[in-house]
Protein backbone atom coordinates (compact mmCIF):
# COMPACT_ATOMS: atom_id res chain seq x y z
CA UNK A 1 0.00 0.00 0.00
CA UNK A 2 2.85 2.40 0.81
CA UNK A 3 4.45 1.69 -2.55
CA UNK A 4 1.14 2.37 -4.36
CA UNK A 5 0.68 5.68 -2.54
CA UNK A 6 4.24 6.73 -3.34
CA UNK A 7 3.81 5.78 -6.97
CA UNK A 8 0.58 7.78 -7.31
CA UNK A 9 2.17 10.78 -5.62
CA UNK A 10 5.11 10.58 -7.98
CA UNK A 11 2.83 10.48 -11.02
CA UNK A 12 0.77 13.47 -9.88
CA UNK A 13 3.90 15.62 -9.56
CA UNK A 14 4.47 15.19 -13.30
CA UNK A 15 8.07 14.02 -12.92
CA UNK A 16 7.91 10.76 -14.84
CA UNK A 17 5.28 8.62 -16.50
CA UNK A 18 5.51 4.87 -15.95
CA UNK A 19 3.39 2.46 -17.96
CA UNK A 20 3.10 -1.15 -16.90
CA UNK A 21 0.86 -4.09 -17.59
CA UNK A 22 2.88 -6.69 -15.71
CA UNK A 23 0.25 -7.09 -13.02
CA UNK A 24 -2.68 -7.34 -15.45
CA UNK A 25 -3.72 -10.62 -17.08
CA UNK A 26 -3.09 -10.84 -20.81
CA UNK A 27 -6.24 -10.17 -22.81
CA UNK A 28 -7.09 -11.21 -26.35
CA UNK A 29 -7.61 -8.54 -28.99
CA UNK A 30 -9.68 -8.65 -32.16
CA UNK A 31 -7.68 -9.13 -35.32
CA UNK A 32 -9.22 -5.99 -36.86
CA UNK A 33 -7.70 -3.90 -34.04
CA UNK A 34 -4.11 -5.08 -34.51
CA UNK A 35 -3.87 -5.55 -38.28
CA UNK A 36 -4.95 -4.08 -41.60
CA UNK A 37 -5.61 -5.75 -44.96
CA UNK A 38 -3.04 -5.11 -47.63
CA UNK A 39 -4.49 -3.06 -50.49
CA UNK A 40 -7.45 -1.76 -48.49
CA UNK A 41 -6.23 1.72 -47.63
CA UNK A 42 -7.07 5.39 -47.61
CA UNK A 43 -5.82 7.70 -50.35
CA UNK A 44 -4.73 11.31 -49.91
CA UNK A 45 -6.09 13.98 -52.26
CA UNK A 46 -4.66 17.45 -52.83
CA UNK A 47 -5.90 20.51 -54.69
CA UNK A 48 -5.56 24.24 -55.16
CA UNK A 49 -8.39 26.76 -55.20
CA UNK A 50 -9.70 30.20 -54.34
CA UNK A 51 -11.74 31.29 -51.35
CA UNK A 52 -13.93 34.32 -52.06
CA UNK A 53 -16.28 36.49 -50.05
CA UNK A 54 -13.78 37.46 -47.37
CA UNK A 55 -14.29 40.73 -45.51
CA UNK A 56 -11.02 42.39 -46.49
CA UNK A 57 -8.90 39.65 -44.89
CA UNK A 58 -7.77 38.06 -48.13
CA UNK A 59 -4.64 38.40 -50.25
CA UNK A 60 -2.84 41.72 -50.21
CA UNK A 61 -0.74 41.74 -53.36
CA UNK A 62 0.18 38.45 -54.99
CA UNK A 63 0.88 37.83 -58.66
CA UNK A 64 -0.05 34.16 -58.60
CA UNK A 65 -3.37 34.99 -56.91
CA UNK A 66 -4.14 37.52 -59.65
CA UNK A 67 -3.21 34.91 -62.24
CA UNK A 68 -5.51 32.34 -60.62
CA UNK A 69 -8.34 34.87 -60.45
CA UNK A 70 -7.93 35.79 -64.13
CA UNK A 71 -7.91 32.11 -65.12
CA UNK A 72 -11.12 31.51 -63.22
CA UNK A 73 -12.85 34.47 -64.88
CA UNK A 74 -11.60 33.34 -68.30
CA UNK A 75 -13.44 30.03 -67.89
CA UNK A 76 -16.67 32.05 -67.77
CA UNK A 77 -15.76 34.13 -70.82
CA UNK A 78 -14.70 37.23 -68.89
CA UNK A 79 -11.50 38.73 -70.33
CA UNK A 80 -9.40 41.12 -68.26
CA UNK A 81 -6.48 42.96 -69.81
CA UNK A 82 -3.05 42.24 -68.41
CA UNK A 83 -2.42 45.89 -67.56
CA UNK A 84 -5.48 46.25 -65.34
CA UNK A 85 -5.05 46.03 -61.58
CA UNK A 86 -7.25 43.67 -59.60
CA UNK A 87 -8.28 44.23 -56.00
CA UNK A 88 -8.12 40.82 -54.42
CA UNK A 89 -8.37 41.63 -50.71
CA UNK A 90 -11.58 39.58 -50.58
CA UNK A 91 -9.94 36.57 -52.27
CA UNK A 92 -7.41 34.08 -50.86
CA UNK A 93 -5.48 31.27 -52.57
CA UNK A 94 -5.74 28.02 -50.60
CA UNK A 95 -4.42 24.49 -50.52
CA UNK A 96 -7.12 21.82 -50.16
CA UNK A 97 -6.54 18.35 -48.84
CA UNK A 98 -8.80 15.42 -48.08
CA UNK A 99 -8.64 11.69 -47.40
CA UNK A 100 -10.56 9.29 -49.60
CA UNK A 101 -11.61 6.15 -47.69
CA UNK A 102 -11.27 2.67 -49.21
CA UNK A 103 -14.12 1.50 -51.46
CA UNK A 104 -15.46 5.07 -51.78
CA UNK A 105 -18.01 5.25 -54.59
CA UNK A 106 -18.85 7.92 -57.13
CA UNK A 107 -21.34 10.39 -55.71
CA UNK A 108 -20.34 9.95 -52.08
CA UNK A 109 -18.98 12.94 -50.18
CA UNK A 110 -15.91 13.45 -47.99
CA UNK A 111 -14.72 16.24 -45.69
CA UNK A 112 -12.05 18.67 -46.86
CA UNK A 113 -9.60 20.95 -45.06
CA UNK A 114 -8.72 24.32 -46.56
CA UNK A 115 -5.51 26.21 -45.63
CA UNK A 116 -4.39 29.67 -46.78
CA UNK A 117 -1.05 29.68 -48.62
CA UNK A 118 -0.63 33.43 -49.15
CA UNK A 119 -0.91 36.52 -46.95
CA UNK A 120 -4.58 36.13 -46.09
CA UNK A 121 -5.27 37.09 -42.48
CA UNK A 122 -8.44 35.03 -42.07
CA UNK A 123 -10.70 32.69 -44.04
CA UNK A 124 -13.72 33.33 -41.81
CA UNK A 125 -16.91 33.84 -43.82
CA UNK A 126 -15.31 32.66 -47.08
CA UNK A 127 -16.58 30.25 -49.71
CA UNK A 128 -14.41 27.83 -51.62
CA UNK A 129 -15.02 27.88 -55.36
CA UNK A 130 -15.17 24.64 -57.32
CA UNK A 131 -11.72 23.01 -57.10
CA UNK A 132 -10.32 19.71 -58.34
CA UNK A 133 -8.71 17.27 -55.92
CA UNK A 134 -6.07 15.01 -57.44
CA UNK A 135 -4.40 11.82 -56.30
CA UNK A 136 -0.71 11.01 -56.44
CA UNK A 137 -1.22 9.68 -59.99
CA UNK A 138 -2.43 13.11 -61.18
CA UNK A 139 -6.02 12.03 -61.82
CA UNK A 140 -8.97 14.00 -60.47
CA UNK A 141 -10.87 11.96 -57.89
CA UNK A 142 -13.11 14.57 -56.27
CA UNK A 143 -14.51 18.10 -56.72
CA UNK A 144 -14.63 20.40 -53.67
CA UNK A 145 -16.80 23.45 -53.07
CA UNK A 146 -18.70 25.06 -50.21
CA UNK A 147 -18.72 27.47 -47.27
CA UNK A 148 -15.92 27.22 -44.74
CA UNK A 149 -16.27 26.67 -41.02
CA UNK A 150 -13.35 28.44 -39.32
CA UNK A 151 -12.69 27.95 -35.63
CA UNK A 152 -10.08 30.70 -35.31
CA UNK A 153 -10.45 34.46 -34.93
CA UNK A 154 -8.08 37.29 -35.80
CA UNK A 155 -8.57 40.99 -35.00
CA UNK A 156 -6.12 43.79 -35.88
CA UNK A 157 -6.21 47.43 -34.78
CA UNK A 158 -5.15 50.53 -36.68
CA UNK A 159 -2.00 50.87 -34.54
CA UNK A 160 -0.80 47.42 -35.56
CA UNK A 161 -1.91 45.58 -32.41
CA UNK A 162 -3.73 42.34 -33.03
CA UNK A 163 -5.29 39.40 -31.23
CA UNK A 164 -5.40 35.90 -32.71
CA UNK A 165 -7.42 33.01 -31.31
CA UNK A 166 -6.61 29.53 -32.63
CA UNK A 167 -5.84 29.53 -36.38
CA UNK A 168 -8.16 31.66 -38.54
CA UNK A 169 -6.34 30.72 -41.77
CA UNK A 170 -7.51 27.09 -41.72
CA UNK A 171 -11.09 25.92 -42.19
CA UNK A 172 -13.09 22.79 -42.93
CA UNK A 173 -16.03 21.93 -45.15
CA UNK A 174 -18.06 18.99 -43.92
CA UNK A 175 -18.98 16.73 -46.87
CA UNK A 176 -17.44 19.43 -49.03
CA UNK A 177 -16.12 17.22 -51.84
CA UNK A 178 -18.02 14.89 -54.18
CA UNK A 179 -16.18 11.79 -55.39
CA UNK A 180 -16.01 11.66 -59.18
CA UNK A 181 -13.69 8.67 -59.70
CA UNK A 182 -13.23 5.40 -57.83
CA UNK A 183 -9.85 4.00 -56.87
CA UNK A 184 -9.33 0.58 -58.49
CA UNK A 185 -8.75 -2.31 -56.08
CA UNK A 186 -7.96 -6.01 -56.31
CA UNK A 187 -10.18 -7.10 -53.44
CA UNK A 188 -12.14 -9.64 -55.51
CA UNK A 189 -9.47 -10.57 -58.05
CA UNK A 190 -7.13 -12.79 -56.02
CA UNK A 191 -7.34 -16.14 -54.27
CA UNK A 192 -5.99 -14.72 -51.01
CA UNK A 193 -5.42 -11.54 -49.10
CA UNK A 194 -2.76 -10.43 -46.62
CA UNK A 195 -3.14 -9.16 -43.07
CA UNK A 196 -0.38 -6.73 -42.05
CA UNK A 197 0.16 -6.37 -38.30
CA UNK A 198 0.27 -2.80 -37.03
CA UNK A 199 3.29 -3.76 -34.92
CA UNK A 200 5.64 -6.43 -36.18
CA UNK A 201 6.00 -9.39 -33.83
CA UNK A 202 6.77 -13.03 -34.62
CA UNK A 203 4.78 -14.30 -31.64
CA UNK A 204 1.67 -12.34 -32.62
CA UNK A 205 2.00 -13.46 -36.26
CA UNK A 206 2.17 -17.12 -35.13
CA UNK A 207 -0.87 -16.64 -32.88
CA UNK A 208 -2.85 -15.18 -35.80
CA UNK A 209 -1.96 -18.15 -38.00
CA UNK A 210 -2.90 -20.62 -35.27
CA UNK A 211 -6.26 -18.92 -34.61
CA UNK A 212 -7.22 -18.89 -38.31
CA UNK A 213 -6.09 -22.49 -38.92
CA UNK A 214 -7.95 -23.70 -35.83
CA UNK A 215 -11.12 -22.07 -37.16
CA UNK A 216 -10.90 -22.90 -40.88
CA UNK A 217 -8.44 -25.79 -41.13
CA UNK A 218 -4.69 -26.24 -41.55
CA UNK A 219 -3.18 -24.32 -44.45
CA UNK A 220 -5.80 -21.57 -44.42
CA UNK A 221 -3.21 -19.05 -43.16
CA UNK A 222 0.55 -18.81 -43.55
CA UNK A 223 2.88 -16.28 -41.93
CA UNK A 224 5.19 -14.71 -44.51
CA UNK A 225 7.22 -12.81 -41.91
CA UNK A 226 6.74 -11.03 -38.57
CA UNK A 227 4.28 -8.59 -40.17
CA UNK A 228 2.33 -10.31 -42.98
CA UNK A 229 -0.06 -13.27 -42.79
CA UNK A 230 -1.47 -14.57 -46.07
CA UNK A 231 -4.97 -16.06 -45.86
CA UNK A 232 -6.71 -17.97 -48.64
CA UNK A 233 -10.15 -16.65 -49.53
CA UNK A 234 -13.09 -17.51 -51.82
CA UNK A 235 -13.45 -15.71 -55.15
CA UNK A 236 -17.16 -15.00 -54.76
CA UNK A 237 -17.43 -11.38 -53.47
CA UNK A 238 -20.39 -12.13 -51.19
CA UNK A 239 -18.64 -15.11 -49.62
CA UNK A 240 -15.41 -13.13 -49.34
CA UNK A 241 -17.10 -10.31 -47.37
CA UNK A 242 -18.69 -12.75 -44.91
CA UNK A 243 -15.40 -14.65 -44.60
CA UNK A 244 -13.45 -11.49 -43.89
CA UNK A 245 -16.05 -10.31 -41.35
CA UNK A 246 -15.58 -13.52 -39.34
CA UNK A 247 -11.80 -13.33 -39.60
CA UNK A 248 -11.42 -9.78 -38.35
CA UNK A 249 -13.43 -10.59 -35.21
CA UNK A 250 -11.19 -13.48 -34.16
CA UNK A 251 -9.61 -13.03 -30.73
CA UNK A 252 -5.82 -12.95 -30.95
CA UNK A 253 -3.37 -13.28 -28.08
CA UNK A 254 -0.68 -10.65 -28.72
CA UNK A 255 2.96 -11.30 -27.94
CA UNK A 256 4.65 -9.26 -25.22
CA UNK A 257 6.35 -6.10 -26.42
CA UNK A 258 10.12 -5.89 -26.25
CA UNK A 259 11.58 -4.35 -23.12
CA UNK A 260 12.02 -0.65 -23.80
CA UNK A 261 12.56 2.66 -22.03
CA UNK A 262 11.61 5.81 -24.00
CA UNK A 263 13.03 9.17 -22.88
CA UNK A 264 11.82 12.48 -24.33
CA UNK A 265 14.66 14.87 -23.57
CA UNK A 266 12.61 17.93 -24.59
CA UNK A 267 9.63 17.45 -22.28
CA UNK A 268 11.23 15.38 -19.54
CA UNK A 269 8.81 12.49 -20.11
CA UNK A 270 10.06 8.98 -19.36
CA UNK A 271 8.04 5.86 -20.21
CA UNK A 272 9.29 2.50 -18.91
CA UNK A 273 7.81 -0.69 -20.33
CA UNK A 274 6.57 -3.45 -18.04
CA UNK A 275 9.11 -5.98 -19.36
CA UNK A 276 12.18 -3.95 -18.40
CA UNK A 277 14.47 -5.79 -15.98
CA UNK A 278 17.58 -4.56 -14.17
CA UNK A 279 20.74 -6.51 -13.41
CA UNK A 280 22.47 -6.29 -10.01
CA UNK A 281 23.85 -2.77 -9.71
CA UNK A 282 24.37 -0.03 -7.13
CA UNK A 283 23.63 3.59 -8.07
CA UNK A 284 24.45 6.86 -6.37
CA UNK A 285 23.53 10.29 -7.69
CA UNK A 286 24.13 13.71 -6.19
CA UNK A 287 23.10 17.16 -7.38
CA UNK A 288 25.31 20.23 -7.57
CA UNK A 289 23.43 23.57 -7.46
CA UNK A 290 25.19 26.80 -8.46
CA UNK A 291 23.38 30.08 -7.74
CA UNK A 292 24.58 33.43 -9.12
CA UNK A 293 22.88 36.57 -7.82
CA UNK A 294 23.52 40.14 -8.92
CA UNK A 295 23.19 43.07 -6.47
CA UNK A 296 24.46 46.22 -8.26
CA UNK A 297 25.48 49.13 -6.06
CA UNK A 298 25.65 52.86 -6.78
CA UNK A 299 29.03 54.58 -6.27
CA UNK A 300 28.54 58.23 -5.33
CA UNK A 301 31.64 60.54 -5.64
CA UNK A 302 32.58 63.04 -2.91
CA UNK A 303 31.55 66.67 -3.18
CA UNK A 304 33.67 68.88 -5.48
CA UNK A 305 35.62 65.81 -6.69
CA UNK A 306 34.28 66.25 -10.22
CA UNK A 307 33.60 62.52 -10.29
CA UNK A 308 30.59 60.79 -11.82
CA UNK A 309 28.00 58.55 -10.26
CA UNK A 310 28.49 54.99 -11.51
CA UNK A 311 26.86 51.61 -10.97
CA UNK A 312 29.25 49.01 -9.58
CA UNK A 313 28.28 45.35 -10.10
CA UNK A 314 28.29 43.10 -7.06
CA UNK A 315 28.03 39.38 -7.87
CA UNK A 316 27.54 36.63 -5.32
CA UNK A 317 28.07 32.97 -6.20
CA UNK A 318 26.78 30.19 -3.98
CA UNK A 319 27.57 26.51 -4.59
CA UNK A 320 25.50 23.84 -2.83
CA UNK A 321 26.06 20.13 -3.26
CA UNK A 322 23.35 17.75 -2.14
CA UNK A 323 24.39 14.51 -0.54
CA UNK A 324 23.91 11.65 -2.97
CA UNK A 325 21.90 8.62 -1.89
CA UNK A 326 22.80 5.13 -3.01
CA UNK A 327 20.25 2.47 -3.91
CA UNK A 328 20.86 -1.10 -4.97
CA UNK A 329 19.05 -3.35 -7.45
CA UNK A 330 19.20 -7.11 -7.06
CA UNK A 331 19.00 -9.71 -9.81
CA UNK A 332 15.84 -9.39 -11.91
CA UNK A 333 14.71 -6.11 -10.40
CA UNK A 334 11.37 -5.10 -11.90
CA UNK A 335 9.64 -1.85 -12.79
CA UNK A 336 8.11 -1.71 -9.28
CA UNK A 337 11.59 -1.86 -7.75
CA UNK A 338 12.73 1.03 -9.91
CA UNK A 339 9.65 3.08 -9.02
CA UNK A 340 10.22 2.45 -5.32
CA UNK A 341 13.87 3.52 -5.53
CA UNK A 342 13.03 6.67 -7.51
CA UNK A 343 10.36 7.67 -5.01
CA UNK A 344 12.67 7.16 -2.07
CA UNK A 345 15.52 9.18 -3.57
CA UNK A 346 13.24 11.84 -5.08
CA UNK A 347 14.98 12.22 -8.42
CA UNK A 348 13.89 14.93 -10.85
CA UNK A 349 13.26 13.92 -14.50
CA UNK A 350 16.64 15.29 -15.61
CA UNK A 351 18.45 13.35 -12.88
CA UNK A 352 16.53 10.18 -13.69
CA UNK A 353 17.54 10.50 -17.36
CA UNK A 354 21.18 10.64 -16.29
CA UNK A 355 20.74 7.56 -14.09
CA UNK A 356 19.05 5.60 -16.88
CA UNK A 357 21.76 6.51 -19.39
CA UNK A 358 24.45 5.44 -16.92
CA UNK A 359 22.63 2.15 -16.27
CA UNK A 360 22.42 1.53 -20.01
CA UNK A 361 26.12 2.25 -20.49
CA UNK A 362 26.93 -0.13 -17.64
CA UNK A 363 24.84 -2.88 -19.30
CA UNK A 364 22.52 -3.10 -16.31
CA UNK A 365 19.27 -2.75 -18.28
CA UNK A 366 17.70 -5.80 -19.95
CA UNK A 367 15.99 -3.75 -22.64
CA UNK A 368 16.52 -0.89 -25.05
CA UNK A 369 16.92 2.74 -24.06
CA UNK A 370 15.55 5.15 -26.68
CA UNK A 371 16.07 8.93 -26.44
CA UNK A 372 13.77 10.94 -28.70
């Protein structure tokens, strides 16, 4: 109970985050939650367009925006001479991106995100004109258009002061793009399909093969490597859908993750996996604190000395060394032992990082130390 209270207190202080599942029984996970089917994937779409109807928060002076605006007007038969000047403060050039889900059909709609790429101050109140969204192959797969919903707000005063809330130069259009072309797939054209594990693991791959073969007979599934499992499937599309629905709901026992300690040196976050073990080792760590304080003094000259008043610096340096505490780990020390030792010594995140790096250099950690 004392260890649990100390651990909770240590977590609340925000010093280190420990994650462990050693004390929890292993639970089975559905295959659909740990793997994806090769070839069934989302596709990214990208486009360029113009947002109009802005209240003076659009582009200030951009040649490529003028060119885009002229091209748009030319498609409607409106010719503007090259020498004429266009006022485009109510227009903004934008980049448009969207994600097309697998098996999306012509006529269905998807959400789009619109981001200003020029000097527009805000897209609030704007409307995206009809824009083409292309895939990586250059083909047009969707057409986007509609009014933007912008969560940000930007206000600027005449003296140059301004207040910005969130990001007013990015907006979204719910169901703002209509799919015009389907992505070809080979879902019904092969005698098998491949499950790819989200996290490669030989034990998990073997467990997937065993679960499928136990359900549908030996030879139904074969592991190609630690990531891919090939499963034979019927050619009939209706049978294939029902077969896949039963497969993805199979309960799979996942293999234990490799022992790993992840250290984020920028935020001071440390995550220690439940499988980390420590070899016999003794550790001592002491902190040295150096404090420099400045107390400038004023030097006043005597009367009639024709001297000048000057500021004389007065620096005080104080060095304080804390007494280091030693703690010992026996053979096979677990995560709980490390937590107990850290709580007793009271190490800060930076000090704990130093201890972990020293333990790794000494070969006292049965696991991998990753610094990100």
